[in-house]
């Protein structure tokens, strides 16, 4: 038994905080190696990507000096790129949220390194919610639909790995508890396409 509704993609509306990961990341075509997954000596399995994220998270001296907070949007810094992947550092002030979204064709690994975040995910089985604390990891496949929010009173910091590198995100409106089928996304315009259309 499921609801006949599926999350409604927004009609070109920007993220709740005004910017998407893709618009902040810039033109992914400037980083062609992000799409490569066939080179030896680099992570290529879920376990290897998860290990890389754990290593980066454990190296506080690497990421902690880069942390900034922005009252208007989640703050981002690209930590690393390699053949077929990229790693981002994000900061979250209380109340900041990603909105419900997927990552297009990219899979990924997410870990919290400071504070805590709440993740709400949506599948055919329904909606689930979990609190993400430092040390835990979430691994997600392409098309995974979720929302991440800082519901605490303290700032939070997280590290995200995307493979292949993030080139597409689809944002959705409010989600029902149990979708009948996987929602149809409304892709956010690519930054280059926006520039060319003006």
Protein backbone atom coordinates (compact mmCIF):
# COMPACT_ATOMS: atom_id res chain seq x y z
CA UNK A 1 0.00 0.00 0.00
CA UNK A 2 1.53 3.29 -1.03
CA UNK A 3 0.48 6.81 -1.70
CA UNK A 4 -0.23 7.78 -5.25
CA UNK A 5 1.93 10.86 -4.81
CA UNK A 6 5.62 11.12 -5.39
CA UNK A 7 7.83 14.00 -4.34
CA UNK A 8 7.20 16.94 -6.57
CA UNK A 9 10.27 18.29 -8.31
CA UNK A 10 10.45 22.03 -8.03
CA UNK A 11 10.03 24.06 -11.18
CA UNK A 12 13.47 25.58 -11.50
CA UNK A 13 13.29 26.97 -7.97
CA UNK A 14 16.71 27.29 -6.35
CA UNK A 15 17.61 25.29 -3.26
CA UNK A 16 16.05 26.45 -0.02
CA UNK A 17 19.38 27.97 0.92
CA UNK A 18 19.72 29.58 -2.51
CA UNK A 19 22.51 27.49 -4.02
CA UNK A 20 22.97 23.91 -5.10
CA UNK A 21 26.14 21.86 -4.72
CA UNK A 22 26.53 21.96 -8.51
CA UNK A 23 26.23 25.74 -8.78
CA UNK A 24 28.81 26.20 -6.03
CA UNK A 25 31.10 23.57 -7.53
CA UNK A 26 31.35 25.47 -10.78
CA UNK A 27 31.65 24.00 -14.23
CA UNK A 28 32.28 20.24 -13.93
CA UNK A 29 33.64 20.24 -17.48
CA UNK A 30 36.66 22.08 -16.08
CA UNK A 31 37.51 18.86 -14.23
CA UNK A 32 37.28 16.13 -16.92
CA UNK A 33 39.19 13.62 -14.78
CA UNK A 34 36.23 13.45 -12.37
CA UNK A 35 34.41 11.18 -14.80
CA UNK A 36 37.31 8.70 -15.12
CA UNK A 37 36.92 5.52 -13.08
CA UNK A 38 39.27 3.26 -15.01
CA UNK A 39 42.72 4.33 -13.84
CA UNK A 40 44.77 1.96 -11.63
CA UNK A 41 46.10 2.96 -8.23
CA UNK A 42 43.08 5.02 -7.25
CA UNK A 43 39.94 4.13 -5.28
CA UNK A 44 37.49 2.19 -7.39
CA UNK A 45 35.26 0.25 -4.98
CA UNK A 46 32.80 1.34 -2.32
CA UNK A 47 35.14 0.02 0.38
CA UNK A 48 38.09 2.00 -1.01
CA UNK A 49 36.05 5.20 -1.23
CA UNK A 50 34.78 4.68 2.33
CA UNK A 51 38.36 4.14 3.51
CA UNK A 52 39.49 7.34 1.76
CA UNK A 53 36.73 9.33 3.48
CA UNK A 54 37.71 7.84 6.88
CA UNK A 55 41.35 8.81 6.29
CA UNK A 56 40.45 12.37 5.34
CA UNK A 57 38.05 12.69 8.30
CA UNK A 58 40.74 11.47 10.71
CA UNK A 59 43.19 14.11 9.41
CA UNK A 60 41.72 17.12 11.26
CA UNK A 61 44.79 19.23 10.48
CA UNK A 62 43.91 18.90 6.79
CA UNK A 63 40.29 20.06 6.90
CA UNK A 64 39.72 21.94 10.17
CA UNK A 65 41.57 25.15 9.12
CA UNK A 66 39.35 25.33 6.03
CA UNK A 67 36.01 25.34 7.88
CA UNK A 68 33.92 28.49 7.45
CA UNK A 69 30.29 29.21 8.23
CA UNK A 70 27.86 31.20 6.12
CA UNK A 71 24.55 32.43 7.54
CA UNK A 72 22.92 32.34 4.09
CA UNK A 73 23.95 28.93 2.77
CA UNK A 74 25.82 25.79 3.55
CA UNK A 75 29.52 26.46 3.00
CA UNK A 76 31.65 24.27 0.71
CA UNK A 77 35.30 23.59 -0.01
CA UNK A 78 36.59 21.00 -2.46
CA UNK A 79 39.20 18.96 -0.56
CA UNK A 80 40.39 16.57 -3.22
CA UNK A 81 39.76 15.35 -6.74
CA UNK A 82 41.00 12.21 -8.40
CA UNK A 83 40.17 9.98 -11.34
CA UNK A 84 36.47 9.30 -10.98
CA UNK A 85 35.80 11.07 -7.67
CA UNK A 86 35.81 14.33 -5.73
CA UNK A 87 35.71 15.07 -2.00
CA UNK A 88 33.95 18.07 -0.42
CA UNK A 89 33.98 19.65 3.02
CA UNK A 90 30.62 21.19 4.03
CA UNK A 91 29.62 23.22 7.06
CA UNK A 92 26.10 23.56 8.42
CA UNK A 93 24.77 26.17 10.80
CA UNK A 94 21.70 25.23 12.88
CA UNK A 95 18.64 24.94 10.63
CA UNK A 96 20.53 24.73 7.34
CA UNK A 97 19.26 21.99 5.05
CA UNK A 98 20.02 20.46 1.67
CA UNK A 99 16.34 19.98 0.81
CA UNK A 100 15.24 16.64 -0.68
CA UNK A 101 17.58 15.84 -3.58
CA UNK A 102 19.44 13.12 -5.41
CA UNK A 103 22.91 13.19 -6.97
CA UNK A 104 22.02 12.12 -10.49
CA UNK A 105 24.37 9.36 -11.67
CA UNK A 106 26.83 9.85 -8.80
CA UNK A 107 27.16 7.52 -5.82
CA UNK A 108 28.86 8.63 -2.66
CA UNK A 109 30.00 8.43 0.92
CA UNK A 110 29.05 10.91 3.63
CA UNK A 111 30.51 11.28 7.11
CA UNK A 112 30.03 13.85 9.86
CA UNK A 113 33.24 15.08 11.47
CA UNK A 114 31.82 17.65 13.89
CA UNK A 115 28.39 18.15 15.42
CA UNK A 116 25.48 16.08 14.15
CA UNK A 117 23.15 16.04 11.17
CA UNK A 118 19.78 14.43 10.53
CA UNK A 119 19.30 12.51 7.29
CA UNK A 120 15.84 11.76 5.98
CA UNK A 121 15.82 9.26 3.12
CA UNK A 122 12.99 8.17 0.88
CA UNK A 123 12.68 4.76 -0.79
CA UNK A 124 9.89 2.47 -1.99
CA UNK A 125 9.77 1.13 1.57
CA UNK A 126 8.95 4.59 2.92
CA UNK A 127 10.70 7.38 4.70
CA UNK A 128 13.35 6.87 7.34
CA UNK A 129 15.28 9.26 9.52
CA UNK A 130 18.62 8.85 11.26
CA UNK A 131 21.00 11.03 13.22
CA UNK A 132 24.52 11.15 11.81
CA UNK A 133 27.29 11.68 14.35
CA UNK A 134 31.09 11.84 14.00
CA UNK A 135 32.60 8.50 13.03
CA UNK A 136 29.56 7.09 11.24
CA UNK A 137 29.32 6.82 7.47
CA UNK A 138 26.48 6.73 4.98
CA UNK A 139 27.05 5.16 1.57
CA UNK A 140 24.53 5.93 -1.16
CA UNK A 141 24.02 4.83 -4.74
CA UNK A 142 23.01 6.88 -7.76
CA UNK A 143 19.42 8.08 -7.60
CA UNK A 144 19.35 7.94 -3.78
CA UNK A 145 16.81 10.49 -2.54
CA UNK A 146 17.49 12.20 0.77
CA UNK A 147 17.58 15.42 2.76
CA UNK A 148 20.29 16.41 5.23
CA UNK A 149 19.64 19.06 7.87
CA UNK A 150 21.35 20.44 10.93
CA UNK A 151 18.56 20.11 13.48
CA UNK A 152 20.88 20.73 16.43
CA UNK A 153 21.79 23.96 18.20
CA UNK A 154 25.49 23.72 17.29
CA UNK A 155 27.22 23.98 13.90
CA UNK A 156 28.14 20.76 12.06
CA UNK A 157 30.80 19.78 9.53
CA UNK A 158 30.67 16.88 7.09
CA UNK A 159 32.80 15.32 4.36
CA UNK A 160 31.22 14.04 1.14
CA UNK A 161 32.76 11.94 -1.62
CA UNK A 162 31.00 11.65 -5.00
CA UNK A 163 31.86 9.16 -7.74
CA UNK A 164 31.84 9.98 -10.54
CA UNK A 165 32.37 13.64 -9.69
CA UNK A 166 29.13 15.49 -9.04
CA UNK A 167 27.72 16.98 -12.25
CA UNK A 168 23.98 16.77 -11.57
CA UNK A 169 21.64 17.26 -8.63
CA UNK A 170 17.88 17.10 -8.73
CA UNK A 171 15.85 18.89 -6.09
CA UNK A 172 12.39 17.80 -4.98
CA UNK A 173 9.59 19.51 -3.12
CA UNK A 174 8.01 18.11 0.03
CA UNK A 175 8.08 14.33 0.07
CA UNK A 176 5.23 12.01 1.09
CA UNK A 177 5.85 9.21 3.55
CA UNK A 178 5.69 6.39 0.97
CA UNK A 179 6.07 7.03 -2.76
CA UNK A 180 4.39 4.70 -5.22
CA UNK A 181 7.34 4.90 -7.61
CA UNK A 182 10.70 6.62 -7.89
CA UNK A 183 10.02 10.33 -8.47
CA UNK A 184 10.73 12.04 -11.74
CA UNK A 185 13.37 14.71 -11.11
CA UNK A 186 13.40 18.23 -12.38
CA UNK A 187 17.09 18.77 -13.10
CA UNK A 188 18.63 22.01 -12.01
CA UNK A 189 20.07 23.85 -15.01
CA UNK A 190 23.78 23.31 -15.52
CA UNK A 191 25.76 26.49 -14.65
CA UNK A 192 27.22 26.66 -18.19
CA UNK A 193 23.74 26.35 -19.73
CA UNK A 194 22.50 29.19 -17.51
CA UNK A 195 25.40 31.41 -18.57
CA UNK A 196 24.84 30.64 -22.26
CA UNK A 197 21.11 31.38 -22.04
CA UNK A 198 21.68 34.97 -20.84
